[in-house]
Amino acid sequence: MIGRLRGTVAEIGEEAALIDVGGVGYVVRCGARMLSRLALDTEATIHVESHFGEQTGVTLYGFLSRDEQAA
């Protein structure tokens, strides 16, 4: 399970961000408020919840803090 990512924000989309961690790009689904706080080509630390679905595979959901993740 992935609990946290620290890397460079490579892309920001409408519902997800691409975080480059050591050359590996992780697609992290995020809320609009979190996406608005990210900036391209900057380092970000994102707390992650991993969900595994038979149809969808692995989906990562990102939060800027543990408190936000717990809510």
C-alpha atoms as a PDB file:
ATOM      1  CA  MET A   1       0.000   0.000   0.000  1.00  0.00           C
ATOM      2  CA  ILE A   2       1.223   3.501  -0.796  1.00  0.00           C
ATOM      3  CA  GLY A   3       0.826   5.919   2.127  1.00  0.00           C
ATOM      4  CA  ARG A   4       2.689   9.015   0.958  1.00  0.00           C
ATOM      5  CA  LEU A   5       4.393  10.379  -2.136  1.00  0.00           C
ATOM      6  CA  ARG A   6       7.026  13.097  -2.302  1.00  0.00           C
ATOM      7  CA  GLY A   7       7.983  14.265  -5.745  1.00  0.00           C
ATOM      8  CA  THR A   8       7.644  16.832  -8.489  1.00  0.00           C
ATOM      9  CA  VAL A   9       4.256  17.887  -9.805  1.00  0.00           C
ATOM     10  CA  ALA A  10       4.564  17.006 -13.502  1.00  0.00           C
ATOM     11  CA  GLU A  11       0.938  17.582 -14.615  1.00  0.00           C
ATOM     12  CA  ILE A  12      -2.278  18.944 -13.148  1.00  0.00           C
ATOM     13  CA  GLY A  13      -5.591  17.886 -14.630  1.00  0.00           C
ATOM     14  CA  GLU A  14      -9.231  18.442 -13.747  1.00  0.00           C
ATOM     15  CA  GLU A  15      -9.446  15.496 -11.353  1.00  0.00           C
ATOM     16  CA  ALA A  16      -5.880  14.266 -10.892  1.00  0.00           C
ATOM     17  CA  ALA A  17      -2.237  15.222 -10.705  1.00  0.00           C
ATOM     18  CA  LEU A  18       0.787  13.375 -12.042  1.00  0.00           C
ATOM     19  CA  ILE A  19       3.554  13.206  -9.440  1.00  0.00           C
ATOM     20  CA  ASP A  20       7.036  12.235 -10.607  1.00  0.00           C
ATOM     21  CA  VAL A  21       8.838  10.275  -7.900  1.00  0.00           C
ATOM     22  CA  GLY A  22      12.314   9.260  -8.996  1.00  0.00           C
ATOM     23  CA  GLY A  23      11.295   8.975 -12.634  1.00  0.00           C
ATOM     24  CA  VAL A  24       8.039   7.089 -11.976  1.00  0.00           C
ATOM     25  CA  GLY A  25       4.816   9.001 -12.613  1.00  0.00           C
ATOM     26  CA  TYR A  26       1.960   8.370 -10.169  1.00  0.00           C
ATOM     27  CA  VAL A  27      -1.560   9.491 -11.115  1.00  0.00           C
ATOM     28  CA  VAL A  28      -3.207  10.750  -7.941  1.00  0.00           C
ATOM     29  CA  ARG A  29      -6.902  11.634  -7.920  1.00  0.00           C
ATOM     30  CA  CYS A  30      -7.499  14.829  -5.947  1.00  0.00           C
ATOM     31  CA  GLY A  31     -10.245  17.261  -5.063  1.00  0.00           C
ATOM     32  CA  ALA A  32     -10.420  20.672  -6.726  1.00  0.00           C
ATOM     33  CA  ARG A  33      -9.193  22.461  -3.594  1.00  0.00           C
ATOM     34  CA  MET A  34      -6.059  20.347  -3.419  1.00  0.00           C
ATOM     35  CA  LEU A  35      -5.382  20.641  -7.138  1.00  0.00           C
ATOM     36  CA  SER A  36      -5.601  24.442  -6.863  1.00  0.00           C
ATOM     37  CA  ARG A  37      -2.821  24.364  -4.238  1.00  0.00           C
ATOM     38  CA  LEU A  38      -0.390  22.440  -6.447  1.00  0.00           C
ATOM     39  CA  ALA A  39       1.996  24.128  -8.852  1.00  0.00           C
ATOM     40  CA  LEU A  40       3.775  22.587 -11.824  1.00  0.00           C
ATOM     41  CA  ASP A  41       7.453  21.716 -11.442  1.00  0.00           C
ATOM     42  CA  THR A  42       7.402  22.129  -7.651  1.00  0.00           C
ATOM     43  CA  GLU A  43       7.966  19.478  -5.008  1.00  0.00           C
ATOM     44  CA  ALA A  44       4.887  18.226  -3.178  1.00  0.00           C
ATOM     45  CA  THR A  45       4.265  15.777  -0.389  1.00  0.00           C
ATOM     46  CA  ILE A  46       0.921  14.036  -0.812  1.00  0.00           C
ATOM     47  CA  HIS A  47      -0.713  11.700   1.669  1.00  0.00           C
ATOM     48  CA  VAL A  48      -2.271   8.837  -0.245  1.00  0.00           C
ATOM     49  CA  GLU A  49      -5.070   6.354   0.204  1.00  0.00           C
ATOM     50  CA  SER A  50      -4.809   3.353  -2.082  1.00  0.00           C
ATOM     51  CA  HIS A  51      -7.963   1.655  -3.336  1.00  0.00           C
ATOM     52  CA  PHE A  52      -7.958  -1.629  -5.211  1.00  0.00           C
ATOM     53  CA  GLY A  53     -10.873  -2.520  -7.466  1.00  0.00           C
ATOM     54  CA  GLU A  54     -11.380  -5.594  -9.587  1.00  0.00           C
ATOM     55  CA  GLN A  55     -12.525  -3.482 -12.542  1.00  0.00           C
ATOM     56  CA  THR A  56     -10.360  -0.380 -11.995  1.00  0.00           C
ATOM     57  CA  GLY A  57      -7.115  -1.754 -10.569  1.00  0.00           C
ATOM     58  CA  VAL A  58      -5.223   0.571  -8.234  1.00  0.00           C
ATOM     59  CA  THR A  59      -6.521   4.105  -7.685  1.00  0.00           C
ATOM     60  CA  LEU A  60      -4.597   6.594  -5.547  1.00  0.00           C
ATOM     61  CA  TYR A  61      -6.469   9.388  -3.753  1.00  0.00           C
ATOM     62  CA  GLY A  62      -4.369  12.316  -2.546  1.00  0.00           C
ATOM     63  CA  PHE A  63      -4.602  14.690   0.416  1.00  0.00           C
ATOM     64  CA  LEU A  64      -2.325  17.512   1.537  1.00  0.00           C
ATOM     65  CA  SER A  65      -2.449  16.514   5.218  1.00  0.00           C
ATOM     66  CA  ARG A  66      -3.292  13.554   7.428  1.00  0.00           C
ATOM     67  CA  ASP A  67      -6.117  15.608   8.997  1.00  0.00           C
ATOM     68  CA  GLU A  68      -7.661  16.209   5.581  1.00  0.00           C
ATOM     69  CA  GLN A  69      -7.331  12.514   4.798  1.00  0.00           C
ATOM     70  CA  ALA A  70      -9.042  11.497   8.052  1.00  0.00           C
ATOM     71  CA  ALA A  71     -12.053  13.785   7.471  1.00  0.00           C
END
